[in-house]
Amino acid sequence: MQGWIEGFQKSIEYIEQNLSEALEIEDIAAKAALSPFYYQRIFGALCGMTVGEYIRARRMTTAAQELACSERKVIDIALKYGYDSPDSFAKAFQRFHGITPAQARESGAALRSFAPLHIKITMEGGTMLDYKIVEKAPFTLVGLKRRFNSDTSYQEIPGFWGEWAQDMKGLKGMFGLCSDSDGKNFDYWIADLYMPWEDIPEGCGTYQVPGGLWALFKCTGPLPGSLQTVNTQIWSEWLPSLKGYELAGNYSLEFYLPPAKDPADTVSYICIPLKKL
């Protein structure tokens, strides 16, 4: 477990050392020996924010310190931290600090500070995580696809489900599939199992899921809370202690059973592809 945590901490240190440089998610994730797809999911679960939000918070913190303690021009500081104009920098600065860059230079100006993260996982008590590892043959899904940015996906994907509920396109919505697009964005599918003898609904497509090993995590309770709780446990408790396996592929699945009469009895699964070491 310690080696995994150290790798993730190295990625945080890499961000810190390069706040004034162009930061690419591929380079950050490589420091933790993870794909960008998994790195962003794990970062969100462990840190409670996206990678982009963290970088912006750290840049705004250090930019404010430079404004308060130096005579450098605002445009120079803006350019240093990746903003192409004083206006865009000023808007971002005011959203974060509640004051303008000019006001930050006044005596007694109140500035916000976001300290660098330090990843430390401690076991404070036993929690039960119900899962099993199974082998599955390849299968095909059919569904609606939309591309999301990792920075905004938590807010936007529920809206996607809401739109689907208005016109279900002949889908039951048995699966939610995340698949990596380009390291920064990913495709999210609302999908069912594809039956070759059935027509593909209008506006839908298919996705071939490779065969292999899967870790299946049972989630019981009202949605989306039960999924979110288990998701956090997967990345903060289960993955650091995983032995004999490593993450595989750049995709993951949510599987939904029909809703129970009592929401507390609703069952769903988070499915993570694995491979043996």
C-alpha atoms as a PDB file:
ATOM      1  CA  MET A   1       0.000   0.000   0.000  1.00  0.00           C
ATOM      2  CA  GLN A   2       2.763   2.431   0.905  1.00  0.00           C
ATOM      3  CA  GLY A   3       4.318   2.257  -2.576  1.00  0.00           C
ATOM      4  CA  TRP A   4       1.001   3.164  -4.172  1.00  0.00           C
ATOM      5  CA  ILE A   5       0.532   6.151  -1.883  1.00  0.00           C
ATOM      6  CA  GLU A   6       4.090   7.329  -2.529  1.00  0.00           C
ATOM      7  CA  GLY A   7       3.479   7.222  -6.276  1.00  0.00           C
ATOM      8  CA  PHE A   8       0.357   9.326  -5.934  1.00  0.00           C
ATOM      9  CA  GLN A   9       2.165  11.796  -3.702  1.00  0.00           C
ATOM     10  CA  LYS A  10       4.902  12.127  -6.336  1.00  0.00           C
ATOM     11  CA  SER A  11       2.254  13.264  -8.793  1.00  0.00           C
ATOM     12  CA  ILE A  12       1.134  15.979  -6.336  1.00  0.00           C
ATOM     13  CA  GLU A  13       4.739  17.101  -5.931  1.00  0.00           C
ATOM     14  CA  TYR A  14       5.139  17.208  -9.717  1.00  0.00           C
ATOM     15  CA  ILE A  15       2.135  19.543  -9.940  1.00  0.00           C
ATOM     16  CA  GLU A  16       3.599  21.739  -7.224  1.00  0.00           C
ATOM     17  CA  GLN A  17       6.973  21.970  -8.961  1.00  0.00           C
ATOM     18  CA  ASN A  18       5.385  22.945 -12.274  1.00  0.00           C
ATOM     19  CA  LEU A  19       2.580  25.357 -11.357  1.00  0.00           C
ATOM     20  CA  SER A  20       4.007  27.998 -13.679  1.00  0.00           C
ATOM     21  CA  GLU A  21       4.390  25.520 -16.568  1.00  0.00           C
ATOM     22  CA  ALA A  22       1.892  23.845 -18.863  1.00  0.00           C
ATOM     23  CA  LEU A  23       0.640  20.791 -16.968  1.00  0.00           C
ATOM     24  CA  GLU A  24      -0.651  17.826 -18.965  1.00  0.00           C
ATOM     25  CA  ILE A  25      -2.736  15.133 -17.296  1.00  0.00           C
ATOM     26  CA  GLU A  26      -0.723  12.429 -19.073  1.00  0.00           C
ATOM     27  CA  ASP A  27       2.492  13.615 -17.401  1.00  0.00           C
ATOM     28  CA  ILE A  28       0.844  13.990 -13.995  1.00  0.00           C
ATOM     29  CA  ALA A  29      -0.738  10.517 -14.102  1.00  0.00           C
ATOM     30  CA  ALA A  30       2.559   8.946 -15.220  1.00  0.00           C
ATOM     31  CA  LYS A  31       4.151  10.028 -11.921  1.00  0.00           C
ATOM     32  CA  ALA A  32       1.628   7.799 -10.144  1.00  0.00           C
ATOM     33  CA  ALA A  33       2.028   4.977 -12.701  1.00  0.00           C
ATOM     34  CA  LEU A  34      -1.650   5.295 -13.645  1.00  0.00           C
ATOM     35  CA  SER A  35      -3.534   6.049 -16.834  1.00  0.00           C
ATOM     36  CA  PRO A  36      -5.055   9.547 -17.040  1.00  0.00           C
ATOM     37  CA  PHE A  37      -8.506   7.917 -16.959  1.00  0.00           C
ATOM     38  CA  TYR A  38      -7.964   6.186 -13.627  1.00  0.00           C
ATOM     39  CA  TYR A  39      -5.809   8.932 -12.154  1.00  0.00           C
ATOM     40  CA  GLN A  40      -8.592  11.500 -12.500  1.00  0.00           C
ATOM     41  CA  ARG A  41     -11.189   9.167 -11.003  1.00  0.00           C
ATOM     42  CA  ILE A  42      -8.964   8.283  -8.059  1.00  0.00           C
ATOM     43  CA  PHE A  43      -7.929  11.900  -7.500  1.00  0.00           C
ATOM     44  CA  GLY A  44     -11.562  12.976  -7.297  1.00  0.00           C
ATOM     45  CA  ALA A  45     -12.451  10.242  -4.824  1.00  0.00           C
ATOM     46  CA  LEU A  46      -9.437  10.847  -2.581  1.00  0.00           C
ATOM     47  CA  CYS A  47      -9.257  14.626  -2.722  1.00  0.00           C
ATOM     48  CA  GLY A  48     -12.877  15.708  -3.181  1.00  0.00           C
ATOM     49  CA  MET A  49     -12.089  17.833  -6.234  1.00  0.00           C
ATOM     50  CA  THR A  50     -10.897  17.417  -9.792  1.00  0.00           C
ATOM     51  CA  VAL A  51      -7.269  17.673 -10.850  1.00  0.00           C
ATOM     52  CA  GLY A  52      -8.078  20.882 -12.734  1.00  0.00           C
ATOM     53  CA  GLU A  53      -9.740  22.445  -9.691  1.00  0.00           C
ATOM     54  CA  TYR A  54      -6.730  21.600  -7.536  1.00  0.00           C
ATOM     55  CA  ILE A  55      -4.262  23.103 -10.032  1.00  0.00           C
ATOM     56  CA  ARG A  56      -6.324  26.290 -10.317  1.00  0.00           C
ATOM     57  CA  ALA A  57      -6.552  26.620  -6.521  1.00  0.00           C
ATOM     58  CA  ARG A  58      -2.806  26.220  -6.109  1.00  0.00           C
ATOM     59  CA  ARG A  59      -2.048  28.682  -8.920  1.00  0.00           C
ATOM     60  CA  MET A  60      -4.406  31.274  -7.472  1.00  0.00           C
ATOM     61  CA  THR A  61      -2.768  30.832  -4.060  1.00  0.00           C
ATOM     62  CA  THR A  62       0.777  31.321  -5.318  1.00  0.00           C
ATOM     63  CA  ALA A  63      -0.266  34.129  -7.678  1.00  0.00           C
ATOM     64  CA  ALA A  64      -1.768  36.037  -4.734  1.00  0.00           C
ATOM     65  CA  GLN A  65       1.419  35.596  -2.742  1.00  0.00           C
ATOM     66  CA  GLU A  66       3.438  37.044  -5.605  1.00  0.00           C
ATOM     67  CA  LEU A  67       1.077  40.000  -5.983  1.00  0.00           C
ATOM     68  CA  ALA A  68       1.255  40.800  -2.283  1.00  0.00           C
ATOM     69  CA  CYS A  69       5.018  40.413  -1.951  1.00  0.00           C
ATOM     70  CA  SER A  70       6.449  41.713  -5.220  1.00  0.00           C
ATOM     71  CA  GLU A  71       6.202  44.586  -7.674  1.00  0.00           C
ATOM     72  CA  ARG A  72       5.721  42.343 -10.694  1.00  0.00           C
ATOM     73  CA  LYS A  73       3.109  43.512 -13.189  1.00  0.00           C
ATOM     74  CA  VAL A  74      -0.262  41.792 -13.132  1.00  0.00           C
ATOM     75  CA  ILE A  75       0.095  40.798 -16.788  1.00  0.00           C
ATOM     76  CA  ASP A  76       3.412  39.067 -16.035  1.00  0.00           C
ATOM     77  CA  ILE A  77       1.909  37.080 -13.172  1.00  0.00           C
ATOM     78  CA  ALA A  78      -1.159  36.254 -15.283  1.00  0.00           C
ATOM     79  CA  LEU A  79       1.015  34.894 -18.097  1.00  0.00           C
ATOM     80  CA  LYS A  80       3.161  32.951 -15.643  1.00  0.00           C
ATOM     81  CA  TYR A  81       0.145  31.011 -14.404  1.00  0.00           C
ATOM     82  CA  GLY A  82      -1.386  30.289 -17.789  1.00  0.00           C
ATOM     83  CA  TYR A  83      -3.788  33.206 -18.337  1.00  0.00           C
ATOM     84  CA  ASP A  84      -3.558  34.937 -21.704  1.00  0.00           C
ATOM     85  CA  SER A  85      -4.898  38.309 -20.561  1.00  0.00           C
ATOM     86  CA  PRO A  86      -5.152  40.438 -17.391  1.00  0.00           C
ATOM     87  CA  ASP A  87      -8.961  40.327 -17.692  1.00  0.00           C
ATOM     88  CA  SER A  88      -9.236  36.530 -17.637  1.00  0.00           C
ATOM     89  CA  PHE A  89      -6.759  36.404 -14.746  1.00  0.00           C
ATOM     90  CA  ALA A  90      -8.649  39.099 -12.821  1.00  0.00           C
ATOM     91  CA  LYS A  91     -11.967  37.257 -13.187  1.00  0.00           C
ATOM     92  CA  ALA A  92     -10.474  33.964 -11.990  1.00  0.00           C
ATOM     93  CA  PHE A  93      -8.647  35.763  -9.165  1.00  0.00           C
ATOM     94  CA  GLN A  94     -11.804  37.487  -7.946  1.00  0.00           C
ATOM     95  CA  ARG A  95     -13.803  34.240  -8.027  1.00  0.00           C
ATOM     96  CA  PHE A  96     -11.184  32.577  -5.830  1.00  0.00           C
ATOM     97  CA  HIS A  97     -10.167  35.394  -3.461  1.00  0.00           C
ATOM     98  CA  GLY A  98     -13.228  37.646  -3.534  1.00  0.00           C
ATOM     99  CA  ILE A  99     -11.106  40.701  -4.389  1.00  0.00           C
ATOM    100  CA  THR A 100      -9.318  42.014  -7.477  1.00  0.00           C
ATOM    101  CA  PRO A 101      -5.574  41.626  -8.118  1.00  0.00           C
ATOM    102  CA  ALA A 102      -5.152  45.378  -7.459  1.00  0.00           C
ATOM    103  CA  GLN A 103      -6.902  45.072  -4.085  1.00  0.00           C
ATOM    104  CA  ALA A 104      -4.628  42.150  -3.196  1.00  0.00           C
ATOM    105  CA  ARG A 105      -1.738  44.604  -3.066  1.00  0.00           C
ATOM    106  CA  GLU A 106      -3.393  46.818  -0.477  1.00  0.00           C
ATOM    107  CA  SER A 107      -2.204  46.591   3.109  1.00  0.00           C
ATOM    108  CA  GLY A 108      -4.281  44.140   5.134  1.00  0.00           C
ATOM    109  CA  ALA A 109      -5.947  42.549   2.086  1.00  0.00           C
ATOM    110  CA  ALA A 110      -7.667  39.260   2.978  1.00  0.00           C
ATOM    111  CA  LEU A 111      -6.453  36.471   0.708  1.00  0.00           C
ATOM    112  CA  ARG A 112      -7.396  32.822   0.564  1.00  0.00           C
ATOM    113  CA  SER A 113      -4.756  30.119   0.708  1.00  0.00           C
ATOM    114  CA  PHE A 114      -5.085  26.547  -0.522  1.00  0.00           C
ATOM    115  CA  ALA A 115      -2.223  24.409   0.823  1.00  0.00           C
ATOM    116  CA  PRO A 116      -0.581  21.608  -1.185  1.00  0.00           C
ATOM    117  CA  LEU A 117      -2.209  18.232  -0.712  1.00  0.00           C
ATOM    118  CA  HIS A 118      -0.483  15.413   1.142  1.00  0.00           C
ATOM    119  CA  ILE A 119      -2.009  12.006   0.541  1.00  0.00           C
ATOM    120  CA  LYS A 120      -2.160   9.922   3.700  1.00  0.00           C
ATOM    121  CA  ILE A 121      -4.479   6.962   4.087  1.00  0.00           C
ATOM    122  CA  THR A 122      -5.105   5.693   7.598  1.00  0.00           C
ATOM    123  CA  MET A 123      -7.270   2.826   8.734  1.00  0.00           C
ATOM    124  CA  GLU A 124      -9.529   4.147  11.490  1.00  0.00           C
ATOM    125  CA  GLY A 125     -11.930   1.247  11.724  1.00  0.00           C
ATOM    126  CA  GLY A 126     -13.154  -1.750   9.800  1.00  0.00           C
ATOM    127  CA  THR A 127     -15.621  -1.063   6.995  1.00  0.00           C
ATOM    128  CA  MET A 128     -17.225  -3.805   4.936  1.00  0.00           C
ATOM    129  CA  LEU A 129     -16.759  -3.625   1.166  1.00  0.00           C
ATOM    130  CA  ASP A 130     -18.706  -6.364  -0.592  1.00  0.00           C
ATOM    131  CA  TYR A 131     -16.984  -7.435  -3.823  1.00  0.00           C
ATOM    132  CA  LYS A 132     -15.914 -10.420  -5.896  1.00  0.00           C
ATOM    133  CA  ILE A 133     -13.497 -10.978  -8.786  1.00  0.00           C
ATOM    134  CA  VAL A 134     -14.973 -12.800 -11.782  1.00  0.00           C
ATOM    135  CA  GLU A 135     -13.988 -13.532 -15.353  1.00  0.00           C
ATOM    136  CA  LYS A 136     -16.327 -12.388 -18.124  1.00  0.00           C
ATOM    137  CA  ALA A 137     -16.385 -13.119 -21.846  1.00  0.00           C
ATOM    138  CA  PRO A 138     -16.470 -10.126 -24.233  1.00  0.00           C
ATOM    139  CA  PHE A 139     -19.875  -8.494 -24.580  1.00  0.00           C
ATOM    140  CA  THR A 140     -21.388  -5.606 -26.508  1.00  0.00           C
ATOM    141  CA  LEU A 141     -23.433  -2.699 -25.211  1.00  0.00           C
ATOM    142  CA  VAL A 142     -25.853  -0.536 -27.139  1.00  0.00           C
ATOM    143  CA  GLY A 143     -26.668   2.942 -25.931  1.00  0.00           C
ATOM    144  CA  LEU A 144     -26.474   6.715 -25.997  1.00  0.00           C
ATOM    145  CA  LYS A 145     -23.026   8.298 -25.801  1.00  0.00           C
ATOM    146  CA  ARG A 146     -21.938  11.762 -24.709  1.00  0.00           C
ATOM    147  CA  ARG A 147     -18.449  13.146 -24.142  1.00  0.00           C
ATOM    148  CA  PHE A 148     -17.630  14.799 -20.816  1.00  0.00           C
ATOM    149  CA  ASN A 149     -14.737  16.716 -19.344  1.00  0.00           C
ATOM    150  CA  SER A 150     -13.450  15.285 -16.063  1.00  0.00           C
ATOM    151  CA  ASP A 151     -13.670  18.721 -14.410  1.00  0.00           C
ATOM    152  CA  THR A 152     -17.435  18.998 -14.902  1.00  0.00           C
ATOM    153  CA  SER A 153     -18.633  15.408 -15.345  1.00  0.00           C
ATOM    154  CA  TYR A 154     -19.964  14.938 -11.780  1.00  0.00           C
ATOM    155  CA  GLN A 155     -22.376  17.813 -12.314  1.00  0.00           C
ATOM    156  CA  GLU A 156     -23.265  17.049 -15.940  1.00  0.00           C
ATOM    157  CA  ILE A 157     -23.756  13.265 -16.030  1.00  0.00           C
ATOM    158  CA  PRO A 158     -26.868  13.339 -13.766  1.00  0.00           C
ATOM    159  CA  GLY A 159     -28.327  15.821 -16.263  1.00  0.00           C
ATOM    160  CA  PHE A 160     -27.592  13.357 -19.067  1.00  0.00           C
ATOM    161  CA  TRP A 161     -29.577  10.699 -17.210  1.00  0.00           C
ATOM    162  CA  GLY A 162     -32.370  13.237 -16.694  1.00  0.00           C
ATOM    163  CA  GLU A 163     -32.543  13.934 -20.440  1.00  0.00           C
ATOM    164  CA  TRP A 164     -32.597  10.199 -21.169  1.00  0.00           C
ATOM    165  CA  ALA A 165     -35.499   9.723 -18.757  1.00  0.00           C
ATOM    166  CA  GLN A 166     -37.591  12.129 -20.873  1.00  0.00           C
ATOM    167  CA  ASP A 167     -37.111  10.011 -24.024  1.00  0.00           C
ATOM    168  CA  MET A 168     -35.643   6.624 -23.204  1.00  0.00           C
ATOM    169  CA  LYS A 169     -34.828   5.776 -26.844  1.00  0.00           C
ATOM    170  CA  GLY A 170     -35.964   2.189 -26.274  1.00  0.00           C
ATOM    171  CA  LEU A 171     -33.277   1.660 -23.621  1.00  0.00           C
ATOM    172  CA  LYS A 172     -33.745   0.283 -20.114  1.00  0.00           C
ATOM    173  CA  GLY A 173     -30.613   2.028 -18.806  1.00  0.00           C
ATOM    174  CA  MET A 174     -29.058  -1.105 -17.301  1.00  0.00           C
ATOM    175  CA  PHE A 175     -25.480   0.199 -17.601  1.00  0.00           C
ATOM    176  CA  GLY A 176     -23.464   3.350 -17.241  1.00  0.00           C
ATOM    177  CA  LEU A 177     -20.138   3.000 -19.070  1.00  0.00           C
ATOM    178  CA  CYS A 178     -17.142   5.337 -18.757  1.00  0.00           C
ATOM    179  CA  SER A 179     -14.524   4.956 -21.493  1.00  0.00           C
ATOM    180  CA  ASP A 180     -11.406   7.053 -21.966  1.00  0.00           C
ATOM    181  CA  SER A 181     -11.452   9.391 -24.943  1.00  0.00           C
ATOM    182  CA  ASP A 182      -8.198  11.330 -24.993  1.00  0.00           C
ATOM    183  CA  GLY A 183      -6.895  11.412 -21.431  1.00  0.00           C
ATOM    184  CA  LYS A 184      -8.656  14.696 -20.667  1.00  0.00           C
ATOM    185  CA  ASN A 185     -12.189  13.759 -21.687  1.00  0.00           C
ATOM    186  CA  PHE A 186     -14.172  10.539 -21.546  1.00  0.00           C
ATOM    187  CA  ASP A 187     -17.275   9.083 -23.158  1.00  0.00           C
ATOM    188  CA  TYR A 188     -20.179   8.145 -20.930  1.00  0.00           C
ATOM    189  CA  TRP A 189     -22.783   5.685 -22.206  1.00  0.00           C
ATOM    190  CA  ILE A 190     -26.287   4.987 -20.957  1.00  0.00           C
ATOM    191  CA  ALA A 191     -26.616   1.467 -22.275  1.00  0.00           C
ATOM    192  CA  ASP A 192     -28.112  -2.031 -22.349  1.00  0.00           C
ATOM    193  CA  LEU A 193     -26.791  -5.372 -23.538  1.00  0.00           C
ATOM    194  CA  TYR A 194     -26.782  -5.483 -27.333  1.00  0.00           C
ATOM    195  CA  MET A 195     -28.924  -8.196 -28.915  1.00  0.00           C
ATOM    196  CA  PRO A 196     -27.883  -8.708 -32.578  1.00  0.00           C
ATOM    197  CA  TRP A 197     -31.414  -9.621 -33.648  1.00  0.00           C
ATOM    198  CA  GLU A 198     -32.787  -6.316 -32.395  1.00  0.00           C
ATOM    199  CA  ASP A 199     -32.565  -2.977 -34.200  1.00  0.00           C
ATOM    200  CA  ILE A 200     -30.228  -0.339 -32.795  1.00  0.00           C
ATOM    201  CA  PRO A 201     -32.402   2.546 -31.548  1.00  0.00           C
ATOM    202  CA  GLU A 202     -32.105   5.834 -33.413  1.00  0.00           C
ATOM    203  CA  GLY A 203     -29.242   7.960 -32.164  1.00  0.00           C
ATOM    204  CA  CYS A 204     -27.574   5.034 -30.395  1.00  0.00           C
ATOM    205  CA  GLY A 205     -24.349   3.152 -31.071  1.00  0.00           C
ATOM    206  CA  THR A 206     -22.521   0.074 -29.830  1.00  0.00           C
ATOM    207  CA  TYR A 207     -19.439  -0.502 -27.672  1.00  0.00           C
ATOM    208  CA  GLN A 208     -17.451  -3.745 -27.532  1.00  0.00           C
ATOM    209  CA  VAL A 209     -16.353  -4.499 -23.963  1.00  0.00           C
ATOM    210  CA  PRO A 210     -13.278  -6.794 -23.884  1.00  0.00           C
ATOM    211  CA  GLY A 211     -13.358 -10.024 -21.944  1.00  0.00           C
ATOM    212  CA  GLY A 212     -11.258 -10.473 -18.832  1.00  0.00           C
ATOM    213  CA  LEU A 213     -11.251 -10.171 -15.070  1.00  0.00           C
ATOM    214  CA  TRP A 214     -13.589  -7.783 -13.284  1.00  0.00           C
ATOM    215  CA  ALA A 215     -13.904  -6.676  -9.679  1.00  0.00           C
ATOM    216  CA  LEU A 216     -17.621  -6.321  -8.916  1.00  0.00           C
ATOM    217  CA  PHE A 217     -18.575  -4.086  -5.993  1.00  0.00           C
ATOM    218  CA  LYS A 218     -22.102  -4.361  -4.653  1.00  0.00           C
ATOM    219  CA  CYS A 219     -23.853  -1.103  -3.725  1.00  0.00           C
ATOM    220  CA  THR A 220     -27.055  -1.260  -1.682  1.00  0.00           C
ATOM    221  CA  GLY A 221     -29.230   1.757  -0.998  1.00  0.00           C
ATOM    222  CA  PRO A 222     -30.691   4.833  -2.664  1.00  0.00           C
ATOM    223  CA  LEU A 223     -28.938   6.196  -5.755  1.00  0.00           C
ATOM    224  CA  PRO A 224     -26.651   7.976  -6.347  1.00  0.00           C
ATOM    225  CA  GLY A 225     -25.532   8.016  -2.697  1.00  0.00           C
ATOM    226  CA  SER A 226     -24.795   4.287  -2.438  1.00  0.00           C
ATOM    227  CA  LEU A 227     -22.677   4.367  -5.610  1.00  0.00           C
ATOM    228  CA  GLN A 228     -20.732   7.423  -4.485  1.00  0.00           C
ATOM    229  CA  THR A 229     -19.983   5.914  -1.065  1.00  0.00           C
ATOM    230  CA  VAL A 230     -18.685   2.657  -2.516  1.00  0.00           C
ATOM    231  CA  ASN A 231     -16.740   4.490  -5.225  1.00  0.00           C
ATOM    232  CA  THR A 232     -14.838   6.428  -2.549  1.00  0.00           C
ATOM    233  CA  GLN A 233     -14.132   3.199  -0.645  1.00  0.00           C
ATOM    234  CA  ILE A 234     -12.808   1.513  -3.782  1.00  0.00           C
ATOM    235  CA  TRP A 235     -10.146   4.124  -4.433  1.00  0.00           C
ATOM    236  CA  SER A 236      -9.265   5.057  -0.845  1.00  0.00           C
ATOM    237  CA  GLU A 237      -9.405   1.632   0.855  1.00  0.00           C
ATOM    238  CA  TRP A 238      -9.532  -1.242  -1.609  1.00  0.00           C
ATOM    239  CA  LEU A 239      -7.052  -0.135  -4.288  1.00  0.00           C
ATOM    240  CA  PRO A 240      -4.191   0.797  -1.916  1.00  0.00           C
ATOM    241  CA  SER A 241      -4.375  -2.681  -0.350  1.00  0.00           C
ATOM    242  CA  LEU A 242      -4.891  -4.612  -3.622  1.00  0.00           C
ATOM    243  CA  LYS A 243      -2.388  -7.448  -4.084  1.00  0.00           C
ATOM    244  CA  GLY A 244      -1.833  -9.720  -7.064  1.00  0.00           C
ATOM    245  CA  TYR A 245      -3.822  -7.566  -9.473  1.00  0.00           C
ATOM    246  CA  GLU A 246      -3.621  -4.179 -11.148  1.00  0.00           C
ATOM    247  CA  LEU A 247      -6.087  -1.954 -12.963  1.00  0.00           C
ATOM    248  CA  ALA A 248      -6.714  -2.865 -16.598  1.00  0.00           C
ATOM    249  CA  GLY A 249      -8.250  -0.990 -19.508  1.00  0.00           C
ATOM    250  CA  ASN A 250      -9.451   2.586 -19.544  1.00  0.00           C
ATOM    251  CA  TYR A 251     -13.106   1.948 -18.891  1.00  0.00           C
ATOM    252  CA  SER A 252     -15.413   1.050 -16.021  1.00  0.00           C
ATOM    253  CA  LEU A 253     -19.043   0.060 -15.644  1.00  0.00           C
ATOM    254  CA  GLU A 254     -22.009   0.752 -13.431  1.00  0.00           C
ATOM    255  CA  PHE A 255     -24.708  -1.953 -13.510  1.00  0.00           C
ATOM    256  CA  TYR A 256     -28.220  -1.191 -12.301  1.00  0.00           C
ATOM    257  CA  LEU A 257     -30.785  -3.767 -11.201  1.00  0.00           C
ATOM    258  CA  PRO A 258     -34.475  -2.782 -11.408  1.00  0.00           C
ATOM    259  CA  PRO A 259     -35.430  -0.312  -8.640  1.00  0.00           C
ATOM    260  CA  ALA A 260     -36.695  -1.903  -5.433  1.00  0.00           C
ATOM    261  CA  LYS A 261     -39.971  -0.847  -3.806  1.00  0.00           C
ATOM    262  CA  ASP A 262     -37.942   0.415  -0.867  1.00  0.00           C
ATOM    263  CA  PRO A 263     -35.024   2.597  -2.104  1.00  0.00           C
ATOM    264  CA  ALA A 264     -32.931   1.225   0.779  1.00  0.00           C
ATOM    265  CA  ASP A 265     -33.051  -2.191  -0.955  1.00  0.00           C
ATOM    266  CA  THR A 266     -31.950  -0.935  -4.383  1.00  0.00           C
ATOM    267  CA  VAL A 267     -28.919  -2.861  -5.677  1.00  0.00           C
ATOM    268  CA  SER A 268     -26.333  -1.701  -8.195  1.00  0.00           C
ATOM    269  CA  TYR A 269     -22.730  -2.607  -8.981  1.00  0.00           C
ATOM    270  CA  ILE A 270     -19.509  -0.817  -9.815  1.00  0.00           C
ATOM    271  CA  CYS A 271     -17.373  -2.955 -12.131  1.00  0.00           C
ATOM    272  CA  ILE A 272     -13.611  -2.364 -12.472  1.00  0.00           C
ATOM    273  CA  PRO A 273     -11.478  -4.319 -15.028  1.00  0.00           C
ATOM    274  CA  LEU A 274      -8.366  -6.011 -13.620  1.00  0.00           C
ATOM    275  CA  LYS A 275      -5.425  -8.101 -14.737  1.00  0.00           C
ATOM    276  CA  LYS A 276      -3.182 -10.401 -12.739  1.00  0.00           C
ATOM    277  CA  LEU A 277       0.370  -9.301 -11.995  1.00  0.00           C
END
